[in-house]
Protein backbone atom coordinates (compact mmCIF):
# COMPACT_ATOMS: atom_id res chain seq x y z
CA MET A 1 0.00 0.00 0.00
CA ALA A 2 1.36 3.43 -0.95
CA VAL A 3 2.40 5.79 1.83
CA TYR A 4 1.48 9.43 1.15
CA GLU A 5 2.95 11.01 4.28
CA ALA A 6 5.56 10.01 6.83
CA GLY A 7 7.53 11.71 9.58
CA HIS A 8 7.43 15.45 8.92
CA ILE A 9 6.48 15.01 5.22
CA VAL A 10 2.77 15.74 4.82
CA ASN A 11 2.54 15.78 1.01
CA VAL A 12 4.49 15.04 -2.18
CA CYS A 13 3.59 16.50 -5.59
CA SER A 14 5.25 15.78 -8.93
CA LEU A 15 5.68 18.49 -11.57
CA ALA A 16 5.74 17.72 -15.32
CA GLU A 17 6.87 20.66 -17.43
CA ALA A 18 6.04 21.29 -21.09
CA LEU A 19 9.39 21.12 -22.91
CA PRO A 20 10.30 20.93 -26.63
CA HIS A 21 10.52 17.11 -26.56
CA GLY A 22 7.27 16.81 -24.62
CA HIS A 23 6.25 16.86 -20.98
CA ARG A 24 8.86 15.59 -18.56
CA ILE A 25 8.64 15.13 -14.81
CA SER A 26 11.12 17.78 -13.75
CA ALA A 27 10.64 18.06 -10.00
CA ALA A 28 9.28 16.49 -6.83
CA ILE A 29 7.83 19.04 -4.39
CA LEU A 30 7.77 17.93 -0.74
CA THR A 31 5.62 19.69 1.86
CA TYR A 32 6.90 19.53 5.44
CA ASP A 33 5.06 20.46 8.62
CA CYS A 34 7.94 22.72 9.63
CA VAL A 35 10.33 25.28 8.13
CA LEU A 36 13.55 23.80 6.68
CA ASP A 37 17.00 25.37 6.73
CA ASN A 38 17.72 25.94 3.03
CA ALA A 39 21.52 26.28 3.37
CA SER A 40 21.89 22.79 4.85
CA LEU A 41 20.02 20.89 2.11
CA LYS A 42 21.98 18.55 -0.19
CA PRO A 43 20.89 16.17 -3.01
CA GLU A 44 22.31 13.12 -1.22
CA GLN A 45 19.83 13.64 1.63
CA PHE A 46 16.99 12.44 -0.61
CA GLY A 47 16.18 9.70 -3.07
CA VAL A 48 13.62 9.68 -5.87
CA GLU A 49 12.76 6.25 -7.26
CA ASN A 50 14.38 5.67 -10.70
CA ARG A 51 15.40 9.33 -10.94
CA ASN A 52 18.52 11.43 -10.41
CA ILE A 53 18.35 14.59 -8.30
CA ILE A 54 20.36 17.48 -9.74
CA ARG A 55 19.38 20.26 -7.34
CA VAL A 56 17.63 20.63 -3.97
CA TYR A 57 16.46 23.72 -2.07
CA ALA A 58 13.71 24.94 0.24
CA ASN A 59 11.06 27.49 -0.70
CA THR A 60 8.16 29.39 0.85
CA GLU A 61 5.96 28.39 -2.12
CA PRO A 62 5.44 24.95 -3.73
CA GLU A 63 7.28 25.87 -6.94
CA LYS A 64 10.66 25.89 -8.61
CA ALA A 65 12.87 28.95 -8.06
CA GLU A 66 16.24 30.31 -9.11
CA SER A 67 17.40 30.39 -5.49
CA GLY A 68 16.21 28.74 -2.31
CA ARG A 69 15.03 30.21 0.97
CA ASP A 70 13.97 28.78 4.31
CA GLY A 71 10.47 27.38 3.96
CA ARG A 72 8.09 24.43 4.38
CA TYR A 73 8.59 23.20 0.82
CA VAL A 74 11.58 21.22 -0.45
CA ILE A 75 12.08 21.21 -4.22
CA LEU A 76 13.93 18.27 -5.73
CA GLU A 77 14.82 19.15 -9.33
CA LEU A 78 15.31 16.01 -11.44
CA ASN A 79 17.50 15.06 -14.40
CA LEU A 80 15.40 15.49 -17.57
CA THR A 81 17.37 12.80 -19.44
CA ASP A 82 16.39 10.04 -17.00
CA ALA A 83 14.58 7.17 -18.72
CA ASP A 84 11.49 7.73 -16.57
CA ALA A 85 11.39 11.51 -17.11
CA PRO A 86 9.07 11.68 -20.17
CA LEU A 87 5.35 11.31 -19.60
CA MET A 88 5.00 9.81 -23.07
CA GLN A 89 6.73 6.46 -23.52
CA THR A 90 6.94 4.01 -26.42
CA VAL A 91 6.39 0.42 -25.30
CA GLY A 92 7.78 -2.27 -27.62
CA GLU A 93 7.07 -5.98 -27.77
CA THR A 94 10.05 -6.64 -25.52
CA GLY A 95 8.47 -4.49 -22.83
CA ARG A 96 11.39 -2.03 -22.96
CA ARG A 97 10.21 1.53 -22.49
CA VAL A 98 11.96 4.16 -24.58
CA THR A 99 11.28 7.73 -25.56
CA ALA A 100 10.21 7.84 -29.21
CA GLY A 101 12.98 9.17 -31.43
CA MET A 102 15.49 9.27 -28.56
CA ASP A 103 17.08 5.83 -28.85
CA THR A 104 20.77 5.58 -28.01
CA THR A 105 21.35 2.24 -29.76
CA PRO A 106 21.49 1.48 -33.50
CA MET A 107 18.34 0.53 -35.37
CA ILE A 108 18.05 -2.93 -36.95
CA TRP A 109 17.78 -2.95 -40.72
CA PRO A 110 15.29 -5.48 -42.09
CA GLY A 111 17.07 -8.76 -42.78
CA SER A 112 20.44 -7.55 -41.54
CA GLY A 113 20.36 -9.11 -38.10
CA LYS A 114 22.56 -6.38 -36.71
CA GLY A 115 22.72 -2.64 -36.19
CA GLN A 116 24.09 -0.51 -39.00
CA GLU A 117 24.94 3.16 -39.29
CA ALA A 118 22.01 5.06 -40.77
CA LYS A 119 22.69 7.08 -43.90
CA PRO A 120 21.13 10.49 -44.50
CA ALA A 121 18.54 10.78 -47.24
CA GLY A 122 20.19 11.17 -50.61
CA ALA A 123 23.27 9.17 -49.60
CA GLY A 124 21.93 5.84 -50.83
CA GLY A 125 21.09 2.78 -48.79
CA PRO A 126 17.94 2.01 -46.82
CA ALA A 127 17.56 5.55 -45.44
CA ASN A 128 16.86 6.77 -48.95
CA SER A 129 14.01 4.32 -49.44
CA GLN A 130 10.45 5.59 -49.69
CA LYS A 131 9.65 2.84 -47.19
CA GLY A 132 11.29 4.97 -44.51
CA GLY A 133 14.43 2.96 -43.77
CA PRO A 134 14.68 0.69 -40.71
CA GLN A 135 11.55 -0.88 -39.31
CA ARG A 136 10.60 -1.47 -35.69
CA SER A 137 8.54 -4.27 -34.30
CA ARG A 138 5.01 -3.25 -33.37
CA SER A 139 5.01 -0.69 -30.55
CA ARG A 140 2.49 1.60 -28.95
CA VAL A 141 2.59 4.95 -27.25
CA VAL A 142 1.32 5.26 -23.70
CA MET A 143 1.14 8.09 -21.22
CA SER A 144 2.87 7.35 -17.94
CA GLU A 145 1.43 8.49 -14.65
CA ASN A 146 2.71 11.82 -13.40
CA ARG A 147 3.85 10.34 -10.10
CA VAL A 148 7.05 9.99 -8.06
CA ALA A 149 8.15 8.18 -4.90
CA VAL A 150 10.54 9.98 -2.54
CA LYS A 151 12.59 8.95 0.48
CA GLN A 152 14.33 11.18 3.01
CA LEU A 153 17.62 9.31 3.34
CA GLN A 154 19.45 11.49 5.87
CA THR A 155 18.83 13.80 8.80
CA LEU A 156 17.63 17.30 7.90
CA LYS A 157 17.83 20.56 9.81
CA LYS A 158 14.94 22.84 10.62
CA ALA A 159 15.36 26.61 10.38
CA ASP A 160 15.45 26.75 14.21
CA GLY A 161 18.30 24.24 14.34
CA GLU A 162 16.34 21.15 15.39
CA GLU A 163 16.93 17.94 13.48
CA ILE A 164 14.48 15.83 11.45
CA PRO A 165 15.44 12.15 11.45
CA ALA A 166 15.78 10.09 8.26
CA LEU A 167 12.86 7.93 7.11
CA ASP A 168 12.63 4.27 6.15
CA GLU A 169 9.48 4.75 4.04
CA TRP A 170 9.13 5.76 0.43
CA VAL A 171 6.51 8.52 0.23
CA ALA A 172 4.41 8.58 -2.95
CA SER A 173 2.98 11.68 -4.57
CA ARG A 174 -0.74 12.19 -4.07
CA GLU A 175 -1.02 14.37 -7.14
CA GLY A 176 0.84 15.48 -10.22
CA VAL A 177 0.77 18.84 -11.94
CA THR A 178 1.05 18.58 -15.74
CA GLU A 179 1.92 22.06 -16.92
CA GLY A 180 -0.47 23.63 -19.41
CA VAL A 181 -2.67 20.57 -19.98
CA GLU A 182 -5.35 21.73 -17.56
CA ALA A 183 -5.82 24.83 -19.72
CA PHE A 184 -7.30 22.66 -22.52
CA GLN A 185 -10.84 21.32 -22.58
CA VAL A 186 -11.71 17.99 -24.22
CA PHE A 187 -14.70 17.80 -26.58
CA ARG A 188 -15.96 15.02 -28.83
CA HIS A 189 -17.22 15.01 -32.41
CA GLY A 190 -18.50 11.55 -33.27
CA ASP A 191 -15.61 9.14 -32.81
CA ILE A 192 -12.95 11.85 -32.53
CA ALA A 193 -12.00 13.57 -29.26
CA TYR A 194 -10.29 16.93 -29.56
CA ASN A 195 -8.43 19.25 -27.21
CA LEU A 196 -9.38 22.92 -27.33
CA PHE A 197 -7.52 25.79 -25.69
CA ILE A 198 -9.75 28.85 -25.22
CA PRO A 199 -8.10 32.24 -24.63
CA GLN A 200 -8.58 33.36 -21.04
CA LYS A 201 -10.13 36.75 -21.68
CA LEU A 202 -12.51 36.90 -24.63
CA GLU A 203 -13.62 40.45 -25.40
CA ALA A 204 -17.22 40.92 -26.48
CA GLY A 205 -17.57 41.45 -30.22
CA LYS A 206 -13.98 40.40 -30.96
CA THR A 207 -12.86 37.32 -32.90
CA TYR A 208 -9.62 35.43 -32.43
CA PRO A 209 -7.23 33.34 -34.58
CA LEU A 210 -7.27 29.56 -34.33
CA VAL A 211 -4.31 27.17 -34.66
CA PHE A 212 -5.30 23.73 -35.96
CA PHE A 213 -2.63 21.19 -34.95
CA VAL A 214 -2.63 17.52 -36.02
CA PRO A 215 0.03 15.23 -34.49
CA ASP A 216 1.91 12.29 -35.97
CA ALA A 217 0.60 8.74 -36.21
CA SER A 218 2.55 7.52 -33.16
CA VAL A 219 -0.06 9.05 -30.84
CA LYS A 220 -3.13 7.68 -32.61
CA GLY A 221 -5.52 6.08 -30.15
CA ASP A 222 -8.11 7.08 -27.58
CA ASP A 223 -6.19 9.25 -25.09
CA PRO A 224 -6.45 12.90 -26.19
CA LEU A 225 -3.93 14.07 -23.58
CA ILE A 226 -1.07 12.30 -25.38
CA VAL A 227 -1.45 14.84 -28.21
CA LEU A 228 -0.53 17.55 -25.70
CA THR A 229 2.17 15.77 -23.71
CA GLN A 230 4.13 14.18 -26.57
CA GLY A 231 5.71 17.39 -27.87
CA ASN A 232 5.26 21.12 -28.23
CA GLY A 233 3.25 21.38 -31.44
CA ALA A 234 0.07 22.42 -29.62
CA MET A 235 1.55 23.52 -26.30
CA SER A 236 3.86 26.15 -27.80
CA PHE A 237 0.88 28.10 -29.14
CA ALA A 238 -1.01 27.79 -25.84
CA SER A 239 1.92 28.86 -23.65
CA PRO A 240 1.42 31.98 -21.49
CA ALA A 241 4.23 33.76 -23.35
CA PHE A 242 2.69 33.18 -26.78
CA GLN A 243 -0.86 33.88 -25.61
CA LYS A 244 0.27 37.22 -24.18
CA LYS A 245 1.35 38.29 -27.68
CA HIS A 246 -1.27 36.42 -29.71
CA PRO A 247 -4.42 35.32 -27.87
CA CYS A 248 -5.78 32.46 -29.94
CA PHE A 249 -7.69 29.20 -29.89
CA VAL A 250 -5.64 26.02 -30.22
CA LEU A 251 -7.42 22.94 -31.58
CA ALA A 252 -5.63 19.58 -31.35
CA PRO A 253 -7.63 16.45 -32.28
CA GLN A 254 -6.80 12.92 -31.18
CA ILE A 255 -6.84 10.70 -34.28
CA PRO A 256 -8.28 7.19 -33.70
CA GLU A 257 -6.41 4.13 -34.95
CA HIS A 258 -8.77 3.46 -37.88
CA TYR A 259 -8.03 6.79 -39.60
CA SER A 260 -5.04 7.29 -41.89
CA ALA A 261 -3.48 9.92 -44.12
CA ARG A 262 -1.58 8.51 -47.12
CA SER A 263 0.64 10.86 -49.06
CA ASP A 264 0.83 8.61 -52.14
CA GLN A 265 -2.90 8.45 -52.89
CA GLY A 266 -3.78 12.12 -53.24
CA ALA A 267 -7.12 13.30 -51.87
CA ALA A 268 -8.33 9.68 -51.75
CA GLY A 269 -5.58 8.92 -49.23
CA MET A 270 -7.18 11.30 -46.73
CA GLY A 271 -10.28 9.10 -46.53
CA SER A 272 -12.93 10.45 -44.20
CA MET A 273 -10.37 12.16 -41.96
CA HIS A 274 -10.33 15.22 -44.20
CA GLU A 275 -14.09 15.75 -43.90
CA LYS A 276 -14.07 14.97 -40.18
CA MET A 277 -11.44 17.64 -39.56
CA LYS A 278 -13.48 20.19 -41.51
CA GLU A 279 -16.55 19.31 -39.48
CA ILE A 280 -14.67 19.81 -36.23
CA LEU A 281 -13.31 23.15 -37.44
CA ASP A 282 -16.82 24.28 -38.38
CA GLU A 283 -18.15 23.11 -35.03
CA VAL A 284 -15.57 25.14 -33.10
CA CYS A 285 -15.92 28.21 -35.34
CA GLU A 286 -19.69 28.22 -34.85
CA ALA A 287 -19.50 27.76 -31.06
CA PHE A 288 -16.71 30.26 -30.34
CA PRO A 289 -15.64 33.72 -31.61
CA VAL A 290 -13.10 32.45 -34.15
CA ASP A 291 -11.77 34.66 -36.96
CA ARG A 292 -12.28 32.47 -40.03
CA GLY A 293 -9.85 34.64 -41.94
CA ARG A 294 -7.09 33.62 -39.53
CA LEU A 295 -7.26 29.84 -39.35
CA TYR A 296 -3.73 28.41 -39.22
CA ASN A 297 -2.88 24.86 -40.25
CA THR A 298 0.04 23.00 -38.71
CA GLY A 299 1.08 19.40 -38.16
CA GLN A 300 3.93 16.93 -38.02
CA SER A 301 4.38 13.74 -40.07
CA MET A 302 0.81 12.41 -40.46
CA GLY A 303 -0.44 15.88 -39.49
CA CYS A 304 1.83 17.42 -42.13
CA ILE A 305 0.47 15.05 -44.78
CA LEU A 306 -3.08 15.92 -43.79
CA GLY A 307 -2.10 19.60 -43.89
CA PHE A 308 -0.89 19.33 -47.49
CA GLY A 309 -4.06 17.44 -48.39
CA MET A 310 -6.39 19.99 -46.82
CA ASP A 311 -4.54 22.88 -48.48
CA ILE A 312 -4.88 21.16 -51.85
CA CYS A 313 -8.55 20.25 -51.43
CA ASP A 314 -9.65 23.46 -49.65
CA PRO A 315 -7.33 26.26 -50.76
CA ASP A 316 -9.51 28.95 -49.15
CA LEU A 317 -9.70 27.34 -45.71
CA PHE A 318 -6.45 28.35 -44.01
CA ALA A 319 -4.63 31.68 -43.99
CA ALA A 320 -1.25 29.91 -43.79
CA SER A 321 0.32 26.57 -42.94
CA LEU A 322 3.34 25.46 -40.91
CA LEU A 323 4.10 21.92 -42.09
CA VAL A 324 6.80 19.84 -40.41
CA GLY A 325 8.41 16.55 -41.42
CA GLY A 326 5.98 15.23 -44.02
CA GLN A 327 5.47 14.81 -47.75
CA TRP A 328 2.89 14.60 -50.53
CA GLY A 329 3.41 11.80 -53.02
CA GLU A 330 0.85 12.76 -55.66
CA LEU A 331 2.96 15.49 -57.25
CA SER A 332 0.48 16.14 -60.06
CA SER A 333 -1.81 17.85 -57.53
CA VAL A 334 0.91 20.05 -55.99
CA PRO A 335 0.32 22.99 -58.40
CA ALA A 336 -3.04 23.42 -56.61
CA LEU A 337 -0.97 24.82 -53.73
CA LYS A 338 0.02 27.81 -55.84
CA GLY A 339 -1.04 30.93 -53.99
CA GLN A 340 -0.90 29.24 -50.57
CA LYS A 341 1.23 30.64 -47.76
CA MET A 342 3.36 27.82 -46.41
CA TRP A 343 6.42 27.36 -44.21
CA MET A 344 7.92 23.86 -44.54
CA LEU A 345 10.60 22.44 -42.22
CA ASN A 346 12.43 19.11 -42.20
CA SER A 347 15.75 17.39 -41.49
CA ASP A 348 18.19 16.28 -44.19
CA GLY A 349 18.36 12.88 -42.45
CA ASP A 350 14.63 12.26 -42.77
CA ALA A 351 14.30 9.48 -45.36
CA ARG A 352 10.83 10.50 -46.56
CA ALA A 353 10.18 14.14 -45.64
CA TYR A 354 13.46 15.47 -47.03
CA PRO A 355 13.15 14.15 -50.60
CA GLY A 356 9.38 14.59 -50.36
CA MET A 357 9.51 18.28 -49.52
CA ASN A 358 12.26 18.81 -52.09
CA SER A 359 9.88 17.47 -54.73
CA ILE A 360 7.03 19.69 -53.51
CA ALA A 361 9.26 22.77 -53.67
CA GLN A 362 10.36 21.85 -57.21
CA GLU A 363 6.77 21.38 -58.40
CA LEU A 364 5.72 24.70 -56.89
CA GLU A 365 8.61 26.46 -58.60
CA LYS A 366 7.62 24.87 -61.92
CA ALA A 367 4.11 26.26 -61.35
CA GLY A 368 5.53 29.76 -60.91
CA THR A 369 5.54 30.00 -57.10
CA ASP A 370 8.42 31.82 -55.45
CA VAL A 371 10.03 29.46 -52.93
CA CYS A 372 12.64 30.73 -50.48
CA ARG A 373 14.96 27.88 -49.52
CA PHE A 374 17.29 28.14 -46.55
CA THR A 375 19.21 25.92 -44.13
CA LEU A 376 19.85 26.06 -40.42
CA ASP A 377 21.58 23.94 -37.82
CA ALA A 378 19.67 22.82 -34.71
CA ARG A 379 22.93 22.92 -32.74
CA TRP A 380 23.25 26.67 -33.24
CA PRO A 381 22.17 28.88 -30.34
CA LEU A 382 18.45 29.50 -30.68
CA ALA A 383 19.07 33.18 -31.44
CA GLU A 384 21.11 32.20 -34.53
CA GLN A 385 18.38 29.85 -35.72
CA GLU A 386 15.82 32.63 -35.28
CA GLU A 387 18.03 34.99 -37.30
CA ALA A 388 18.22 32.48 -40.16
CA CYS A 389 14.42 32.29 -40.12
CA ARG A 390 14.10 36.07 -40.00
CA ILE A 391 16.29 36.47 -43.09
CA ALA A 392 14.18 33.88 -44.92
CA MET A 393 10.99 35.63 -43.84
CA GLU A 394 12.25 38.94 -45.20
CA SER A 395 12.40 37.39 -48.68
CA GLY A 396 8.65 37.92 -48.88
CA ALA A 397 8.22 34.58 -50.65
CA PRO A 398 4.80 32.94 -50.11
CA VAL A 399 6.49 29.56 -49.56
CA ILE A 400 9.48 29.27 -47.23
CA TYR A 401 11.32 25.95 -47.08
CA GLY A 402 13.86 25.33 -44.33
CA THR A 403 16.06 22.27 -43.78
CA PHE A 404 17.99 21.40 -40.64
CA THR A 405 21.36 20.26 -42.02
CA ASP A 406 23.87 17.60 -40.96
CA GLN A 407 21.20 15.63 -39.06
CA SER A 408 21.60 18.32 -36.39
CA VAL A 409 18.11 17.81 -34.93
CA VAL A 410 19.24 14.52 -33.35
CA PRO A 411 20.33 15.21 -29.75
CA GLU A 412 23.83 14.42 -28.54
CA GLY A 413 24.17 10.75 -27.67
CA VAL A 414 21.12 9.64 -29.65
CA PHE A 415 21.68 7.26 -32.57
CA LYS A 416 21.26 9.01 -35.91
CA SER A 417 18.67 7.20 -38.01
CA PRO A 418 15.81 8.15 -40.31
CA VAL A 419 13.47 7.71 -37.33
CA SER A 420 15.41 9.92 -34.92
CA ASN A 421 15.86 12.57 -37.64
CA HIS A 422 12.16 12.46 -38.38
CA MET A 423 10.84 12.66 -34.83
CA ASN A 424 13.37 15.19 -33.56
CA THR A 425 12.52 17.67 -36.31
CA TRP A 426 9.27 18.53 -34.52
CA PRO A 427 10.65 19.94 -31.25
CA ALA A 428 13.30 21.83 -33.21
CA ALA A 429 10.67 23.38 -35.49
CA TYR A 430 8.03 24.35 -32.95
CA GLN A 431 10.44 26.23 -30.71
CA LEU A 432 11.12 28.81 -33.46
CA ASP A 433 9.21 31.96 -32.52
CA THR A 434 10.05 33.69 -35.81
CA VAL A 435 8.13 31.03 -37.73
CA LYS A 436 5.11 31.47 -35.48
CA GLU A 437 5.27 35.25 -35.92
CA TRP A 438 5.29 34.77 -39.71
CA LEU A 439 2.30 32.43 -39.43
CA PHE A 440 0.25 34.94 -37.42
CA ALA A 441 1.10 37.76 -39.81
CA GLN A 442 -0.86 36.00 -42.58
CA LYS A 443 -4.55 36.67 -43.23
CA ARG A 444 -7.07 35.36 -45.74
CA ASP A 445 -8.39 37.97 -48.17
CA ARG A 446 -11.48 35.83 -48.58
CA THR A 447 -13.21 34.19 -45.63
CA LEU A 448 -15.56 31.26 -45.71
């Protein structure tokens, strides 16, 4: 049976922060029944099950801080690279839990029987295949509980000098705070659940932009919260900092398993998902004060494919699109995108999106569309990446196409493969404020 308080500990709360690679449990917050001496606290005085403590301090409020002070709350900041840090985990047939796209071991090529170095797209070999390179066994994405278990391993000191003895019990968290998720409401349209962020202060008679975000296929299922906790595609637009500049609705549907978006079958490959998404958009626009001239389309992988498809089939629907790590195989329909405002981003190590977006850009140029191509490196300081985007934006081209070079989106220590290049493009793309500013500067001359 779990113990929720022991000794002088009366409560434990876990904090999961919204970060570029998704929500991660970043801290355990302990509430004591007395005031602790901040200066005497050390990481080795505590243990957190399956986690590494990187910083400990006391506080007068149950929250993280730049510096500690004597108080009833003890903040244990945790290593974000721990295996149990991410809320979203990929569970394979072996039962091993890994973070999608963050594997540190080589992939297994089909039929090879051993790991091989992945080659970037265009270099030949399996990574250049339209099949997407190495294949995994069947896996599924699950959302872990936002919970921790904590033990006070050593004696602590109160602010008045008295000592608090060590504890034998592990104390479990009663609750977990998942940053930003509570700001979304979950609605349902038929068999599709969708998350909707509503701006806090809606002024009477005023309408607001709406960001329509569709995730990748790895989070298909029946848990709408995974769409929010996997990465920052929806969360970055709903963050307090972005909402302060651009109050807007954020709509993020959860796609059930039986829906698909195929890039090689044109409009037919969208199936009923295309119409379902339009119905949800109409439902939200009718129920809330949404500016239909400022609907923004964005998505990653499957969501990117759907984004291309919707722009082709409904060219007057969105004011602009931010499309990340996807492709459109039916190139004969690409000229229908002429006149659309689009910002495309991918990685040069992505076996499908890189050649796929190259082909889209070429077809658009053949159709007379001005395409601004540029490159950036995800290892650059963020300010340098933003500057590269700003220069591209100043071109005034309706279509801007950026590529992260040298497989730079793959974090240090993670094996470089088509999969890791693909999945790590998303956090790199959605942290670029310049791209979001460009998106929100676009408006539809004609509204539906």
